[in-house]
Amino acid sequence: MTNYALRVPESLFSYARQVAEEEHVSMNQFFVTAIAEKVSALKTEAYFRERQARGEVVAFDAWLKATPDLEPVAGDELS
Protein backbone atom coordinates (compact mmCIF):
# COMPACT_ATOMS: atom_id res chain seq x y z
CA MET A 1 0.00 0.00 0.00
CA THR A 2 1.30 3.47 -0.85
CA ASN A 3 0.76 6.74 0.98
CA TYR A 4 0.15 9.97 -0.90
CA ALA A 5 -0.22 13.43 0.62
CA LEU A 6 -3.17 15.10 -1.03
CA ARG A 7 -3.98 18.80 -0.88
CA VAL A 8 -7.72 19.38 -1.13
CA PRO A 9 -9.52 22.72 -1.09
CA GLU A 10 -11.27 23.18 2.26
CA SER A 11 -14.74 23.47 0.70
CA LEU A 12 -14.32 20.19 -1.20
CA PHE A 13 -12.82 18.47 1.83
CA SER A 14 -15.76 19.56 4.02
CA TYR A 15 -18.25 18.21 1.52
CA ALA A 16 -16.29 14.95 1.16
CA ARG A 17 -16.23 14.58 4.95
CA GLN A 18 -20.00 15.11 5.08
CA VAL A 19 -20.63 12.51 2.38
CA ALA A 20 -18.25 10.01 4.03
CA GLU A 21 -20.10 10.43 7.33
CA GLU A 22 -23.46 9.95 5.61
CA GLU A 23 -22.14 6.80 3.93
CA HIS A 24 -20.59 5.56 7.20
CA VAL A 25 -17.14 5.18 5.66
CA SER A 26 -13.75 6.61 6.55
CA MET A 27 -12.32 9.52 4.60
CA ASN A 28 -9.61 7.17 3.33
CA GLN A 29 -12.21 4.72 2.02
CA PHE A 30 -14.19 7.57 0.47
CA PHE A 31 -11.16 8.94 -1.40
CA VAL A 32 -9.97 5.49 -2.52
CA THR A 33 -13.46 4.65 -3.81
CA ALA A 34 -13.71 8.00 -5.62
CA ILE A 35 -10.35 7.44 -7.30
CA ALA A 36 -11.32 3.87 -8.27
CA GLU A 37 -14.59 5.09 -9.79
CA LYS A 38 -12.79 7.74 -11.86
CA VAL A 39 -10.14 5.28 -13.07
CA SER A 40 -12.89 2.82 -14.00
CA ALA A 41 -14.79 5.49 -15.95
CA LEU A 42 -11.66 6.50 -17.88
CA LYS A 43 -10.75 2.88 -18.65
CA THR A 44 -14.31 2.19 -19.82
CA GLU A 45 -14.21 5.22 -22.10
CA ALA A 46 -10.91 4.06 -23.57
CA TYR A 47 -12.32 0.57 -24.11
CA PHE A 48 -15.34 1.87 -26.02
CA ARG A 49 -13.18 4.20 -28.12
CA GLU A 50 -10.97 1.23 -29.03
CA ARG A 51 -14.03 -0.86 -29.88
CA GLN A 52 -15.41 2.00 -31.97
CA ALA A 53 -12.16 2.22 -33.92
CA ARG A 54 -12.45 -1.48 -34.82
CA GLY A 55 -16.08 -1.15 -35.91
CA GLU A 56 -17.14 -1.27 -39.54
CA VAL A 57 -20.22 0.58 -40.75
CA VAL A 58 -20.77 -2.00 -43.52
CA ALA A 59 -20.77 -4.87 -41.00
CA PHE A 60 -23.17 -2.94 -38.74
CA ASP A 61 -25.53 -2.30 -41.66
CA ALA A 62 -25.42 -6.02 -42.54
CA TRP A 63 -26.22 -6.89 -38.91
CA LEU A 64 -29.19 -4.50 -38.96
CA LYS A 65 -30.49 -5.98 -42.21
CA ALA A 66 -30.31 -9.48 -40.70
CA THR A 67 -32.45 -8.42 -37.74
CA PRO A 68 -35.97 -9.82 -38.08
CA ASP A 69 -38.74 -7.27 -38.62
CA LEU A 70 -40.90 -8.20 -35.62
CA GLU A 71 -43.16 -6.24 -33.33
CA PRO A 72 -41.51 -5.29 -30.03
CA VAL A 73 -42.05 -7.46 -26.97
CA ALA A 74 -44.83 -6.13 -24.76
CA GLY A 75 -43.49 -3.32 -22.58
CA ASP A 76 -40.55 -2.68 -24.91
CA GLU A 77 -42.35 -0.35 -27.30
CA LEU A 78 -41.18 3.19 -28.03
CA SER A 79 -43.36 5.80 -26.39
PDB file of N, CA and C in Angstrom:
ATOM      1  N   MET A   1       0.856  -1.165   0.000  1.00  0.00           N
ATOM      2  CA  MET A   1       0.000   0.000   0.000  1.00  0.00           C
ATOM      3  C   MET A   1       0.904   1.231   0.000  1.00  0.00           C
ATOM      4  N   THR A   2       0.523   2.245  -0.723  1.00  0.00           N
ATOM      5  CA  THR A   2       1.301   3.467  -0.848  1.00  0.00           C
ATOM      6  C   THR A   2       0.574   4.631  -0.201  1.00  0.00           C
ATOM      7  N   ASN A   3       1.323   5.517   0.418  1.00  0.00           N
ATOM      8  CA  ASN A   3       0.762   6.741   0.979  1.00  0.00           C
ATOM      9  C   ASN A   3       0.994   7.878   0.010  1.00  0.00           C
ATOM     10  N   TYR A   4       0.031   8.805  -0.033  1.00  0.00           N
ATOM     11  CA  TYR A   4       0.152   9.970  -0.897  1.00  0.00           C
ATOM     12  C   TYR A   4      -0.466  11.152  -0.179  1.00  0.00           C
ATOM     13  N   ALA A   5       0.314  12.207  -0.001  1.00  0.00           N
ATOM     14  CA  ALA A   5      -0.216  13.425   0.624  1.00  0.00           C
ATOM     15  C   ALA A   5      -1.037  14.166  -0.421  1.00  0.00           C
ATOM     16  N   LEU A   6      -2.247  14.490  -0.083  1.00  0.00           N
ATOM     17  CA  LEU A   6      -3.171  15.099  -1.029  1.00  0.00           C
ATOM     18  C   LEU A   6      -3.634  16.442  -0.486  1.00  0.00           C
ATOM     19  N   ARG A   7      -3.463  17.480  -1.272  1.00  0.00           N
ATOM     20  CA  ARG A   7      -3.977  18.795  -0.880  1.00  0.00           C
ATOM     21  C   ARG A   7      -5.345  18.971  -1.514  1.00  0.00           C
ATOM     22  N   VAL A   8      -6.329  19.258  -0.686  1.00  0.00           N
ATOM     23  CA  VAL A   8      -7.716  19.376  -1.135  1.00  0.00           C
ATOM     24  C   VAL A   8      -8.249  20.726  -0.662  1.00  0.00           C
ATOM     25  N   PRO A   9      -8.914  21.469  -1.544  1.00  0.00           N
ATOM     26  CA  PRO A   9      -9.520  22.721  -1.092  1.00  0.00           C
ATOM     27  C   PRO A   9     -10.472  22.460   0.085  1.00  0.00           C
ATOM     28  N   GLU A  10     -10.480  23.366   1.034  1.00  0.00           N
ATOM     29  CA  GLU A  10     -11.267  23.183   2.256  1.00  0.00           C
ATOM     30  C   GLU A  10     -12.746  22.926   1.961  1.00  0.00           C
ATOM     31  N   SER A  11     -13.308  23.652   0.999  1.00  0.00           N
ATOM     32  CA  SER A  11     -14.735  23.469   0.697  1.00  0.00           C
ATOM     33  C   SER A  11     -15.016  22.058   0.180  1.00  0.00           C
ATOM     34  N   LEU A  12     -14.148  21.548  -0.673  1.00  0.00           N
ATOM     35  CA  LEU A  12     -14.322  20.195  -1.197  1.00  0.00           C
ATOM     36  C   LEU A  12     -14.110  19.163  -0.103  1.00  0.00           C
ATOM     37  N   PHE A  13     -13.106  19.401   0.735  1.00  0.00           N
ATOM     38  CA  PHE A  13     -12.822  18.473   1.829  1.00  0.00           C
ATOM     39  C   PHE A  13     -14.000  18.400   2.796  1.00  0.00           C
ATOM     40  N   SER A  14     -14.601  19.542   3.105  1.00  0.00           N
ATOM     41  CA  SER A  14     -15.756  19.564   4.017  1.00  0.00           C
ATOM     42  C   SER A  14     -16.915  18.766   3.441  1.00  0.00           C
ATOM     43  N   TYR A  15     -17.162  18.953   2.155  1.00  0.00           N
ATOM     44  CA  TYR A  15     -18.250  18.213   1.523  1.00  0.00           C
ATOM     45  C   TYR A  15     -17.933  16.719   1.489  1.00  0.00           C
ATOM     46  N   ALA A  16     -16.681  16.362   1.187  1.00  0.00           N
ATOM     47  CA  ALA A  16     -16.286  14.952   1.165  1.00  0.00           C
ATOM     48  C   ALA A  16     -16.452  14.335   2.551  1.00  0.00           C
ATOM     49  N   ARG A  17     -16.072  15.080   3.585  1.00  0.00           N
ATOM     50  CA  ARG A  17     -16.226  14.583   4.952  1.00  0.00           C
ATOM     51  C   ARG A  17     -17.705  14.329   5.265  1.00  0.00           C
ATOM     52  N   GLN A  18     -18.559  15.256   4.841  1.00  0.00           N
ATOM     53  CA  GLN A  18     -20.001  15.109   5.082  1.00  0.00           C
ATOM     54  C   GLN A  18     -20.542  13.862   4.379  1.00  0.00           C
ATOM     55  N   VAL A  19     -20.153  13.681   3.138  1.00  0.00           N
ATOM     56  CA  VAL A  19     -20.629  12.513   2.382  1.00  0.00           C
ATOM     57  C   VAL A  19     -20.101  11.228   3.013  1.00  0.00           C
ATOM     58  N   ALA A  20     -18.838  11.206   3.401  1.00  0.00           N
ATOM     59  CA  ALA A  20     -18.255  10.014   4.033  1.00  0.00           C
ATOM     60  C   ALA A  20     -19.012   9.669   5.313  1.00  0.00           C
ATOM     61  N   GLU A  21     -19.336  10.676   6.093  1.00  0.00           N
ATOM     62  CA  GLU A  21     -20.100  10.429   7.330  1.00  0.00           C
ATOM     63  C   GLU A  21     -21.482   9.864   7.013  1.00  0.00           C
ATOM     64  N   GLU A  22     -22.126  10.432   6.005  1.00  0.00           N
ATOM     65  CA  GLU A  22     -23.462   9.950   5.613  1.00  0.00           C
ATOM     66  C   GLU A  22     -23.408   8.507   5.121  1.00  0.00           C
ATOM     67  N   GLU A  23     -22.311   8.155   4.468  1.00  0.00           N
ATOM     68  CA  GLU A  23     -22.145   6.799   3.934  1.00  0.00           C
ATOM     69  C   GLU A  23     -21.532   5.840   4.954  1.00  0.00           C
ATOM     70  N   HIS A  24     -21.181   6.366   6.126  1.00  0.00           N
ATOM     71  CA  HIS A  24     -20.586   5.563   7.203  1.00  0.00           C
ATOM     72  C   HIS A  24     -19.296   4.880   6.759  1.00  0.00           C
ATOM     73  N   VAL A  25     -18.444   5.669   6.076  1.00  0.00           N
ATOM     74  CA  VAL A  25     -17.140   5.181   5.660  1.00  0.00           C
ATOM     75  C   VAL A  25     -16.071   6.179   6.115  1.00  0.00           C
ATOM     76  N   SER A  26     -14.841   5.724   6.187  1.00  0.00           N
ATOM     77  CA  SER A  26     -13.747   6.613   6.548  1.00  0.00           C
ATOM     78  C   SER A  26     -13.435   7.539   5.371  1.00  0.00           C
ATOM     79  N   MET A  27     -12.740   8.618   5.679  1.00  0.00           N
ATOM     80  CA  MET A  27     -12.320   9.519   4.605  1.00  0.00           C
ATOM     81  C   MET A  27     -11.393   8.785   3.639  1.00  0.00           C
ATOM     82  N   ASN A  28     -10.513   7.942   4.181  1.00  0.00           N
ATOM     83  CA  ASN A  28      -9.615   7.169   3.328  1.00  0.00           C
ATOM     84  C   ASN A  28     -10.410   6.299   2.362  1.00  0.00           C
ATOM     85  N   GLN A  29     -11.401   5.583   2.877  1.00  0.00           N
ATOM     86  CA  GLN A  29     -12.206   4.718   2.017  1.00  0.00           C
ATOM     87  C   GLN A  29     -12.963   5.542   0.987  1.00  0.00           C
ATOM     88  N   PHE A  30     -13.462   6.699   1.401  1.00  0.00           N
ATOM     89  CA  PHE A  30     -14.190   7.565   0.469  1.00  0.00           C
ATOM     90  C   PHE A  30     -13.289   7.999  -0.680  1.00  0.00           C
ATOM     91  N   PHE A  31     -12.074   8.476  -0.351  1.00  0.00           N
ATOM     92  CA  PHE A  31     -11.156   8.935  -1.398  1.00  0.00           C
ATOM     93  C   PHE A  31     -10.704   7.790  -2.295  1.00  0.00           C
ATOM     94  N   VAL A  32     -10.404   6.635  -1.717  1.00  0.00           N
ATOM     95  CA  VAL A  32      -9.973   5.489  -2.524  1.00  0.00           C
ATOM     96  C   VAL A  32     -11.091   5.057  -3.470  1.00  0.00           C
ATOM     97  N   THR A  33     -12.312   5.033  -2.969  1.00  0.00           N
ATOM     98  CA  THR A  33     -13.455   4.650  -3.812  1.00  0.00           C
ATOM     99  C   THR A  33     -13.669   5.673  -4.932  1.00  0.00           C
ATOM    100  N   ALA A  34     -13.549   6.951  -4.608  1.00  0.00           N
ATOM    101  CA  ALA A  34     -13.714   7.997  -5.619  1.00  0.00           C
ATOM    102  C   ALA A  34     -12.655   7.873  -6.715  1.00  0.00           C
ATOM    103  N   ILE A  35     -11.423   7.609  -6.315  1.00  0.00           N
ATOM    104  CA  ILE A  35     -10.347   7.438  -7.296  1.00  0.00           C
ATOM    105  C   ILE A  35     -10.614   6.201  -8.154  1.00  0.00           C
ATOM    106  N   ALA A  36     -11.038   5.107  -7.530  1.00  0.00           N
ATOM    107  CA  ALA A  36     -11.320   3.871  -8.270  1.00  0.00           C
ATOM    108  C   ALA A  36     -12.455   4.086  -9.272  1.00  0.00           C
ATOM    109  N   GLU A  37     -13.474   4.831  -8.875  1.00  0.00           N
ATOM    110  CA  GLU A  37     -14.588   5.093  -9.793  1.00  0.00           C
ATOM    111  C   GLU A  37     -14.131   5.915 -10.988  1.00  0.00           C
ATOM    112  N   LYS A  38     -13.289   6.910 -10.763  1.00  0.00           N
ATOM    113  CA  LYS A  38     -12.791   7.745 -11.863  1.00  0.00           C
ATOM    114  C   LYS A  38     -11.909   6.930 -12.799  1.00  0.00           C
ATOM    115  N   VAL A  39     -11.003   6.124 -12.238  1.00  0.00           N
ATOM    116  CA  VAL A  39     -10.138   5.278 -13.066  1.00  0.00           C
ATOM    117  C   VAL A  39     -10.990   4.323 -13.903  1.00  0.00           C
ATOM    118  N   SER A  40     -12.011   3.735 -13.288  1.00  0.00           N
ATOM    119  CA  SER A  40     -12.893   2.817 -13.996  1.00  0.00           C
ATOM    120  C   SER A  40     -13.610   3.526 -15.147  1.00  0.00           C
ATOM    121  N   ALA A  41     -14.094   4.732 -14.901  1.00  0.00           N
ATOM    122  CA  ALA A  41     -14.787   5.491 -15.951  1.00  0.00           C
ATOM    123  C   ALA A  41     -13.847   5.792 -17.116  1.00  0.00           C
ATOM    124  N   LEU A  42     -12.623   6.194 -16.816  1.00  0.00           N
ATOM    125  CA  LEU A  42     -11.661   6.498 -17.878  1.00  0.00           C
ATOM    126  C   LEU A  42     -11.275   5.249 -18.664  1.00  0.00           C
ATOM    127  N   LYS A  43     -11.091   4.130 -17.970  1.00  0.00           N
ATOM    128  CA  LYS A  43     -10.754   2.876 -18.655  1.00  0.00           C
ATOM    129  C   LYS A  43     -11.918   2.405 -19.526  1.00  0.00           C
ATOM    130  N   THR A  44     -13.131   2.582 -19.045  1.00  0.00           N
ATOM    131  CA  THR A  44     -14.307   2.193 -19.823  1.00  0.00           C
ATOM    132  C   THR A  44     -14.418   3.038 -21.082  1.00  0.00           C
ATOM    133  N   GLU A  45     -14.187   4.345 -20.933  1.00  0.00           N
ATOM    134  CA  GLU A  45     -14.214   5.223 -22.103  1.00  0.00           C
ATOM    135  C   GLU A  45     -13.165   4.796 -23.122  1.00  0.00           C
ATOM    136  N   ALA A  46     -11.970   4.500 -22.662  1.00  0.00           N
ATOM    137  CA  ALA A  46     -10.906   4.065 -23.566  1.00  0.00           C
ATOM    138  C   ALA A  46     -11.280   2.763 -24.260  1.00  0.00           C
ATOM    139  N   TYR A  47     -11.902   1.847 -23.529  1.00  0.00           N
ATOM    140  CA  TYR A  47     -12.322   0.569 -24.111  1.00  0.00           C
ATOM    141  C   TYR A  47     -13.324   0.794 -25.247  1.00  0.00           C
ATOM    142  N   PHE A  48     -14.331   1.645 -24.990  1.00  0.00           N
ATOM    143  CA  PHE A  48     -15.341   1.869 -26.024  1.00  0.00           C
ATOM    144  C   PHE A  48     -14.775   2.633 -27.217  1.00  0.00           C
ATOM    145  N   ARG A  49     -13.818   3.522 -26.983  1.00  0.00           N
ATOM    146  CA  ARG A  49     -13.178   4.202 -28.115  1.00  0.00           C
ATOM    147  C   ARG A  49     -12.393   3.196 -28.966  1.00  0.00           C
ATOM    148  N   GLU A  50     -11.708   2.265 -28.313  1.00  0.00           N
ATOM    149  CA  GLU A  50     -10.966   1.233 -29.034  1.00  0.00           C
ATOM    150  C   GLU A  50     -11.922   0.337 -29.814  1.00  0.00           C
ATOM    151  N   ARG A  51     -13.030  -0.025 -29.190  1.00  0.00           N
ATOM    152  CA  ARG A  51     -14.027  -0.857 -29.883  1.00  0.00           C
ATOM    153  C   ARG A  51     -14.621  -0.104 -31.070  1.00  0.00           C
ATOM    154  N   GLN A  52     -14.874   1.187 -30.891  1.00  0.00           N
ATOM    155  CA  GLN A  52     -15.413   2.000 -31.974  1.00  0.00           C
ATOM    156  C   GLN A  52     -14.454   2.041 -33.151  1.00  0.00           C
ATOM    157  N   ALA A  53     -13.171   2.150 -32.864  1.00  0.00           N
ATOM    158  CA  ALA A  53     -12.163   2.219 -33.920  1.00  0.00           C
ATOM    159  C   ALA A  53     -12.121   0.928 -34.736  1.00  0.00           C
ATOM    160  N   ARG A  54     -12.462  -0.197 -34.110  1.00  0.00           N
ATOM    161  CA  ARG A  54     -12.449  -1.482 -34.820  1.00  0.00           C
ATOM    162  C   ARG A  54     -13.758  -1.745 -35.571  1.00  0.00           C
ATOM    163  N   GLY A  55     -14.763  -0.926 -35.307  1.00  0.00           N
ATOM    164  CA  GLY A  55     -16.076  -1.150 -35.914  1.00  0.00           C
ATOM    165  C   GLY A  55     -16.090  -0.832 -37.402  1.00  0.00           C
ATOM    166  N   GLU A  56     -16.985  -1.492 -38.105  1.00  0.00           N
ATOM    167  CA  GLU A  56     -17.143  -1.272 -39.541  1.00  0.00           C
ATOM    168  C   GLU A  56     -18.603  -0.965 -39.818  1.00  0.00           C
ATOM    169  N   VAL A  57     -18.850   0.173 -40.454  1.00  0.00           N
ATOM    170  CA  VAL A  57     -20.216   0.581 -40.754  1.00  0.00           C
ATOM    171  C   VAL A  57     -20.904  -0.452 -41.649  1.00  0.00           C
ATOM    172  N   VAL A  58     -20.192  -1.006 -42.599  1.00  0.00           N
ATOM    173  CA  VAL A  58     -20.772  -1.996 -43.522  1.00  0.00           C
ATOM    174  C   VAL A  58     -21.227  -3.232 -42.739  1.00  0.00           C
ATOM    175  N   ALA A  59     -20.411  -3.695 -41.807  1.00  0.00           N
ATOM    176  CA  ALA A  59     -20.773  -4.866 -41.003  1.00  0.00           C
ATOM    177  C   ALA A  59     -21.969  -4.557 -40.118  1.00  0.00           C
ATOM    178  N   PHE A  60     -22.028  -3.328 -39.567  1.00  0.00           N
ATOM    179  CA  PHE A  60     -23.172  -2.937 -38.744  1.00  0.00           C
ATOM    180  C   PHE A  60     -24.440  -2.901 -39.576  1.00  0.00           C
ATOM    181  N   ASP A  61     -24.357  -2.338 -40.775  1.00  0.00           N
ATOM    182  CA  ASP A  61     -25.526  -2.303 -41.664  1.00  0.00           C
ATOM    183  C   ASP A  61     -25.990  -3.719 -42.007  1.00  0.00           C
ATOM    184  N   ALA A  62     -25.054  -4.633 -42.242  1.00  0.00           N
ATOM    185  CA  ALA A  62     -25.421  -6.024 -42.536  1.00  0.00           C
ATOM    186  C   ALA A  62     -26.102  -6.657 -41.336  1.00  0.00           C
ATOM    187  N   TRP A  63     -25.610  -6.357 -40.130  1.00  0.00           N
ATOM    188  CA  TRP A  63     -26.224  -6.891 -38.915  1.00  0.00           C
ATOM    189  C   TRP A  63     -27.646  -6.362 -38.767  1.00  0.00           C
ATOM    190  N   LEU A  64     -27.842  -5.074 -39.049  1.00  0.00           N
ATOM    191  CA  LEU A  64     -29.187  -4.499 -38.956  1.00  0.00           C
ATOM    192  C   LEU A  64     -30.127  -5.134 -39.971  1.00  0.00           C
ATOM    193  N   LYS A  65     -29.645  -5.363 -41.173  1.00  0.00           N
ATOM    194  CA  LYS A  65     -30.488  -5.975 -42.207  1.00  0.00           C
ATOM    195  C   LYS A  65     -30.875  -7.396 -41.845  1.00  0.00           C
ATOM    196  N   ALA A  66     -30.027  -8.100 -41.097  1.00  0.00           N
ATOM    197  CA  ALA A  66     -30.307  -9.481 -40.705  1.00  0.00           C
ATOM    198  C   ALA A  66     -31.276  -9.560 -39.522  1.00  0.00           C
ATOM    199  N   THR A  67     -31.538  -8.434 -38.887  1.00  0.00           N
ATOM    200  CA  THR A  67     -32.446  -8.417 -37.741  1.00  0.00           C
ATOM    201  C   THR A  67     -33.871  -8.627 -38.229  1.00  0.00           C
ATOM    202  N   PRO A  68     -34.600  -9.572 -37.628  1.00  0.00           N
ATOM    203  CA  PRO A  68     -35.971  -9.816 -38.079  1.00  0.00           C
ATOM    204  C   PRO A  68     -36.869  -8.604 -37.824  1.00  0.00           C
ATOM    205  N   ASP A  69     -37.803  -8.399 -38.725  1.00  0.00           N
ATOM    206  CA  ASP A  69     -38.739  -7.273 -38.618  1.00  0.00           C
ATOM    207  C   ASP A  69     -39.960  -7.734 -37.828  1.00  0.00           C
ATOM    208  N   LEU A  70     -39.836  -7.738 -36.495  1.00  0.00           N
ATOM    209  CA  LEU A  70     -40.904  -8.197 -35.615  1.00  0.00           C
ATOM    210  C   LEU A  70     -41.408  -7.054 -34.752  1.00  0.00           C
ATOM    211  N   GLU A  71     -42.621  -7.206 -34.275  1.00  0.00           N
ATOM    212  CA  GLU A  71     -43.161  -6.237 -33.329  1.00  0.00           C
ATOM    213  C   GLU A  71     -42.374  -6.332 -32.027  1.00  0.00           C
ATOM    214  N   PRO A  72     -42.236  -5.226 -31.305  1.00  0.00           N
ATOM    215  CA  PRO A  72     -41.509  -5.288 -30.030  1.00  0.00           C
ATOM    216  C   PRO A  72     -42.240  -6.133 -29.008  1.00  0.00           C
ATOM    217  N   VAL A  73     -41.482  -6.689 -28.085  1.00  0.00           N
ATOM    218  CA  VAL A  73     -42.048  -7.457 -26.971  1.00  0.00           C
ATOM    219  C   VAL A  73     -42.886  -6.497 -26.126  1.00  0.00           C
ATOM    220  N   ALA A  74     -43.959  -6.979 -25.572  1.00  0.00           N
ATOM    221  CA  ALA A  74     -44.834  -6.125 -24.755  1.00  0.00           C
ATOM    222  C   ALA A  74     -44.031  -5.435 -23.666  1.00  0.00           C
ATOM    223  N   GLY A  75     -44.207  -4.116 -23.559  1.00  0.00           N
ATOM    224  CA  GLY A  75     -43.491  -3.318 -22.579  1.00  0.00           C
ATOM    225  C   GLY A  75     -42.200  -2.741 -23.127  1.00  0.00           C
ATOM    226  N   ASP A  76     -41.798  -3.141 -24.343  1.00  0.00           N
ATOM    227  CA  ASP A  76     -40.549  -2.676 -24.915  1.00  0.00           C
ATOM    228  C   ASP A  76     -40.784  -1.715 -26.089  1.00  0.00           C
ATOM    229  N   GLU A  77     -42.005  -1.234 -26.201  1.00  0.00           N
ATOM    230  CA  GLU A  77     -42.346  -0.346 -27.305  1.00  0.00           C
ATOM    231  C   GLU A  77     -41.781   1.047 -27.055  1.00  0.00           C
ATOM    232  N   LEU A  78     -41.567   1.782 -28.157  1.00  0.00           N
ATOM    233  CA  LEU A  78     -41.181   3.193 -28.033  1.00  0.00           C
ATOM    234  C   LEU A  78     -42.410   3.987 -27.632  1.00  0.00           C
ATOM    235  N   SER A  79     -42.195   4.986 -26.810  1.00  0.00           N
ATOM    236  CA  SER A  79     -43.359   5.795 -26.395  1.00  0.00           C
ATOM    237  C   SER A  79     -43.609   6.914 -27.360  1.00  0.00           C
TER     238      SER A  79
END
